[in-house]
Amino acid sequence: MPTTPNYEKARKLANSLLKESEINSPPVSTRIIDIATSKGLRVQFVEMPKEVSEEVSGVFDQKSQTIYVNSEDPPKRQAFTIAHELGHFVLEHKPNEYGFLPRFANVVNSSPVEKEANYFAANLLIPKEMLDEAKKKFSIKGDDIDLYTGTLADYFGVSEEFMKYRIDGLKWQE
């Protein structure tokens, strides 16, 4: 298992997948199932077992090449879950390196493999170039971006929490 996340690899693979899928405008989230199936994966929305339903958003089963998504989660969370689990596949993570995706995971304080999958999802659902274009479209200047988290989240079809993660990530990552 890697000891540090390879953010550059995650970013490049997300950008490559967007290009391959011919997606150049938001929202990517509404096309995430098509992207996953284009890679040969199945996406199944399931009612999680009662004992874990409050804790699990999804899991990728490499053997069956299936992403299982908690059917009780809101659509924006489901899109993130699919992108995250797709990240494990595209980044070629080994099944013993990750488990299920917790519903209330701290995306920053997780393992290197989980950080890579989160960063892949961020770059897939909210690519920097598209975010830069959105900032122009909404006339967002500099640090004012924090004031527009909700507007941008709606525009990209993601949760405000995930948009904040992406904006903060750009501040310290790129």
Foldseek 3Di string as FASTA:
>chain_A
DDQAADLVVLLVLLVVLCVVVVHDADQCLVCLQVSLVVVVAAEAADADPPVCNQWFQWFADPVRRYIYGHNPDPSQSRSLSSQLRVQCVSVVPDDVVDGTDTPDDDQVPDGNSSVSSLSSSLCNRPNPVNVVVVCVVVVPDDPCVLVCLVVVCVRRVHDSVSSVVSVVCVVPPD
